[in-house]
Structure formats: C-alpha cells, structure tokens
Amino acid sequence: MPSPVATQSGEALERRLPESEAIHEHAELGDTLTWALFAAAVVAWLMWWSWRRDRGAAGGQGGPAARSRVSTALAVVGVLAALGLAADVTLVGHSGASAVWSGVGSQPAPSGGDDGD
C-alpha cells in the first residue's frame, strides 16, 4: 500500500521541520488515510467475492437477474467508500499544500535537524 510509505516519509519530514499547526493537521489527516484506504480495499474485495459468488450461482451467466441483495448493498457501500476515500485524499492533499504555501515548508530546520535518515 502506498499510504504507509507516504506516512513514513511525511513523518521523517515532520521531524525536520519546526512545529506548526498546519503540519500537525496534515499529519493527523494523513493518519486517517491509511484506514480509509484499508476500508475501501476490504469493500472492493467483498464486492469481487460477491460478484464471483453470484456469477457462479447463475451458472456463469452474469446480469441483473444474477445479482443478490448482498451485491447490491455492497455496490452502494463501495460507492460511499470511494467517495469517502476521495474526500480524505483531497483533505490530506489540501492541508499539505496549505502548509507548504503558507511558508512552513520553506522554514529552515531547527539546529540538529539531521536525524540520520
């Protein structure tokens, strides 16, 4: 998953920059992204599993008649999960951009900012 990699690099950068409310907000929002990504992946897997099960129950003949109520419910949950994930990514990206454009990203690291990464 790309989110843990982004989290690790963001935390390394956070340690090198002076404390800031903008950076803290971005980090907190970024922490929620891993969970939102995980939830969307679980829903996608459940949708795939339900589709395969319904398709097998219909003798390989797909279509609306083969769709179960579970598949329909998962489709609705899947759309909601995708919208939630898109909103979370947007909020994380916006807070990061706001931190950079507010000048936080251009501030020099405090003395001793080299943490050996």
C-alpha atoms as a PDB file:
ATOM      1  CA  MET A   1       0.000   0.000   0.000  1.00  0.00           C
ATOM      2  CA  PRO A   2       1.362   3.427  -0.878  1.00  0.00           C
ATOM      3  CA  SER A   3      -0.109   5.147   2.188  1.00  0.00           C
ATOM      4  CA  PRO A   4       2.356   3.701   4.764  1.00  0.00           C
ATOM      5  CA  VAL A   5       5.272   4.760   2.547  1.00  0.00           C
ATOM      6  CA  ALA A   6       3.878   8.290   2.332  1.00  0.00           C
ATOM      7  CA  THR A   7       3.273   8.249   6.089  1.00  0.00           C
ATOM      8  CA  GLN A   8       6.875   7.266   6.832  1.00  0.00           C
ATOM      9  CA  SER A   9       8.363   9.897   4.534  1.00  0.00           C
ATOM     10  CA  GLY A  10       5.969  12.525   5.899  1.00  0.00           C
ATOM     11  CA  GLU A  11       6.879  11.713   9.482  1.00  0.00           C
ATOM     12  CA  ALA A  12      10.589  11.935   8.642  1.00  0.00           C
ATOM     13  CA  LEU A  13       9.993  15.365   7.112  1.00  0.00           C
ATOM     14  CA  GLU A  14       7.832  16.424  10.061  1.00  0.00           C
ATOM     15  CA  ARG A  15      10.728  15.719  12.453  1.00  0.00           C
ATOM     16  CA  ARG A  16      12.977  18.020  10.426  1.00  0.00           C
ATOM     17  CA  LEU A  17      10.608  20.991  10.355  1.00  0.00           C
ATOM     18  CA  PRO A  18       9.717  23.324  13.204  1.00  0.00           C
ATOM     19  CA  GLU A  19       6.408  22.613  14.939  1.00  0.00           C
ATOM     20  CA  SER A  20       3.431  24.061  13.150  1.00  0.00           C
ATOM     21  CA  GLU A  21      -0.336  23.694  13.434  1.00  0.00           C
ATOM     22  CA  ALA A  22      -0.548  23.234   9.637  1.00  0.00           C
ATOM     23  CA  ILE A  23       1.936  20.358   9.712  1.00  0.00           C
ATOM     24  CA  HIS A  24       0.177  18.773  12.692  1.00  0.00           C
ATOM     25  CA  GLU A  25      -3.201  18.965  10.923  1.00  0.00           C
ATOM     26  CA  HIS A  26      -1.727  17.414   7.761  1.00  0.00           C
ATOM     27  CA  ALA A  27      -0.143  14.599   9.765  1.00  0.00           C
ATOM     28  CA  GLU A  28      -3.376  13.851  11.620  1.00  0.00           C
ATOM     29  CA  LEU A  29      -5.382  13.765   8.392  1.00  0.00           C
ATOM     30  CA  GLY A  30      -2.704  11.591   6.803  1.00  0.00           C
ATOM     31  CA  ASP A  31      -3.065   9.065   9.609  1.00  0.00           C
ATOM     32  CA  THR A  32      -6.744   8.600   8.731  1.00  0.00           C
ATOM     33  CA  LEU A  33      -5.887   7.941   5.089  1.00  0.00           C
ATOM     34  CA  THR A  34      -4.353   4.535   5.837  1.00  0.00           C
ATOM     35  CA  TRP A  35      -7.582   3.391   7.478  1.00  0.00           C
ATOM     36  CA  ALA A  36      -9.769   4.818   4.720  1.00  0.00           C
ATOM     37  CA  LEU A  37      -7.619   3.066   2.118  1.00  0.00           C
ATOM     38  CA  PHE A  38      -7.815  -0.211   4.044  1.00  0.00           C
ATOM     39  CA  ALA A  39     -11.612   0.048   4.369  1.00  0.00           C
ATOM     40  CA  ALA A  40     -12.035   0.763   0.650  1.00  0.00           C
ATOM     41  CA  ALA A  41      -9.808  -2.215  -0.209  1.00  0.00           C
ATOM     42  CA  VAL A  42     -11.874  -4.525   2.034  1.00  0.00           C
ATOM     43  CA  VAL A  43     -15.114  -3.322   0.421  1.00  0.00           C
ATOM     44  CA  ALA A  44     -13.617  -3.817  -3.055  1.00  0.00           C
ATOM     45  CA  TRP A  45     -12.590  -7.367  -2.147  1.00  0.00           C
ATOM     46  CA  LEU A  46     -16.055  -8.122  -0.741  1.00  0.00           C
ATOM     47  CA  MET A  47     -17.634  -6.752  -3.920  1.00  0.00           C
ATOM     48  CA  TRP A  48     -15.406  -9.006  -6.047  1.00  0.00           C
ATOM     49  CA  TRP A  49     -16.177 -12.021  -3.856  1.00  0.00           C
ATOM     50  CA  SER A  50     -19.930 -11.364  -4.023  1.00  0.00           C
ATOM     51  CA  TRP A  51     -19.796 -10.894  -7.797  1.00  0.00           C
ATOM     52  CA  ARG A  52     -17.956 -14.198  -8.213  1.00  0.00           C
ATOM     53  CA  ARG A  53     -20.438 -15.975  -5.920  1.00  0.00           C
ATOM     54  CA  ASP A  54     -23.462 -14.539  -7.755  1.00  0.00           C
ATOM     55  CA  ARG A  55     -21.963 -15.372 -11.121  1.00  0.00           C
ATOM     56  CA  GLY A  56     -21.319 -18.963 -10.020  1.00  0.00           C
ATOM     57  CA  ALA A  57     -24.879 -19.289  -8.663  1.00  0.00           C
ATOM     58  CA  ALA A  58     -26.267 -18.182 -12.043  1.00  0.00           C
ATOM     59  CA  GLY A  59     -24.249 -20.801 -13.914  1.00  0.00           C
ATOM     60  CA  GLY A  60     -21.740 -18.294 -15.265  1.00  0.00           C
ATOM     61  CA  GLN A  61     -24.494 -16.104 -16.693  1.00  0.00           C
ATOM     62  CA  GLY A  62     -23.988 -12.630 -15.307  1.00  0.00           C
ATOM     63  CA  GLY A  63     -26.501  -9.830 -15.460  1.00  0.00           C
ATOM     64  CA  PRO A  64     -29.051  -8.094 -13.255  1.00  0.00           C
ATOM     65  CA  ALA A  65     -31.048 -11.276 -12.587  1.00  0.00           C
ATOM     66  CA  ALA A  66     -27.986 -12.923 -11.011  1.00  0.00           C
ATOM     67  CA  ARG A  67     -27.292 -10.027  -8.642  1.00  0.00           C
ATOM     68  CA  SER A  68     -28.082 -10.685  -4.986  1.00  0.00           C
ATOM     69  CA  ARG A  69     -29.190  -8.185  -2.388  1.00  0.00           C
ATOM     70  CA  VAL A  70     -25.757  -8.511  -0.794  1.00  0.00           C
ATOM     71  CA  SER A  71     -24.113  -7.486  -4.068  1.00  0.00           C
ATOM     72  CA  THR A  72     -26.438  -4.506  -4.392  1.00  0.00           C
ATOM     73  CA  ALA A  73     -25.751  -3.419  -0.814  1.00  0.00           C
ATOM     74  CA  LEU A  74     -22.006  -3.828  -1.343  1.00  0.00           C
ATOM     75  CA  ALA A  75     -22.219  -1.735  -4.511  1.00  0.00           C
ATOM     76  CA  VAL A  76     -23.818   1.089  -2.518  1.00  0.00           C
ATOM     77  CA  VAL A  77     -21.223   0.748   0.248  1.00  0.00           C
ATOM     78  CA  GLY A  78     -18.489   0.643  -2.409  1.00  0.00           C
ATOM     79  CA  VAL A  79     -19.620   3.937  -3.924  1.00  0.00           C
ATOM     80  CA  LEU A  80     -19.751   5.516  -0.469  1.00  0.00           C
ATOM     81  CA  ALA A  81     -16.287   4.133   0.364  1.00  0.00           C
ATOM     82  CA  ALA A  82     -14.880   5.529  -2.889  1.00  0.00           C
ATOM     83  CA  LEU A  83     -16.405   8.948  -2.191  1.00  0.00           C
ATOM     84  CA  GLY A  84     -15.064   8.901   1.370  1.00  0.00           C
ATOM     85  CA  LEU A  85     -11.599   7.907   0.177  1.00  0.00           C
ATOM     86  CA  ALA A  86     -11.618  10.656  -2.464  1.00  0.00           C
ATOM     87  CA  ALA A  87     -12.680  13.211   0.162  1.00  0.00           C
ATOM     88  CA  ASP A  88      -9.945  12.049   2.557  1.00  0.00           C
ATOM     89  CA  VAL A  89      -7.248  12.199  -0.129  1.00  0.00           C
ATOM     90  CA  THR A  90      -8.449  15.691  -1.068  1.00  0.00           C
ATOM     91  CA  LEU A  91      -8.362  16.901   2.546  1.00  0.00           C
ATOM     92  CA  VAL A  92      -4.881  15.460   3.149  1.00  0.00           C
ATOM     93  CA  GLY A  93      -3.554  16.955  -0.077  1.00  0.00           C
ATOM     94  CA  HIS A  94      -5.140  20.337   0.576  1.00  0.00           C
ATOM     95  CA  SER A  95      -3.789  20.547   4.110  1.00  0.00           C
ATOM     96  CA  GLY A  96      -0.302  19.625   2.859  1.00  0.00           C
ATOM     97  CA  ALA A  97      -0.456  22.199   0.081  1.00  0.00           C
ATOM     98  CA  SER A  98      -1.709  24.823   2.533  1.00  0.00           C
ATOM     99  CA  ALA A  99       1.225  24.062   4.842  1.00  0.00           C
ATOM    100  CA  VAL A 100       3.729  24.435   2.010  1.00  0.00           C
ATOM    101  CA  TRP A 101       2.206  27.581   0.541  1.00  0.00           C
ATOM    102  CA  SER A 102       1.902  29.192   3.980  1.00  0.00           C
ATOM    103  CA  GLY A 103       5.698  29.109   4.157  1.00  0.00           C
ATOM    104  CA  VAL A 104       6.027  26.241   6.619  1.00  0.00           C
ATOM    105  CA  GLY A 105       7.865  24.046   4.121  1.00  0.00           C
ATOM    106  CA  SER A 106      10.446  26.717   3.379  1.00  0.00           C
ATOM    107  CA  GLN A 107      11.466  27.324   7.008  1.00  0.00           C
ATOM    108  CA  PRO A 108      14.930  26.115   7.921  1.00  0.00           C
ATOM    109  CA  ALA A 109      15.205  23.022  10.066  1.00  0.00           C
ATOM    110  CA  PRO A 110      15.997  23.664  13.712  1.00  0.00           C
ATOM    111  CA  SER A 111      19.594  23.085  14.699  1.00  0.00           C
ATOM    112  CA  GLY A 112      20.343  19.392  14.966  1.00  0.00           C
ATOM    113  CA  GLY A 113      17.576  18.660  12.407  1.00  0.00           C
ATOM    114  CA  ASP A 114      19.593  15.910  10.750  1.00  0.00           C
ATOM    115  CA  ASP A 115      18.112  12.754  12.212  1.00  0.00           C
ATOM    116  CA  GLY A 116      20.238  10.364  10.198  1.00  0.00           C
ATOM    117  CA  ASP A 117      17.608   9.368   7.606  1.00  0.00           C
END
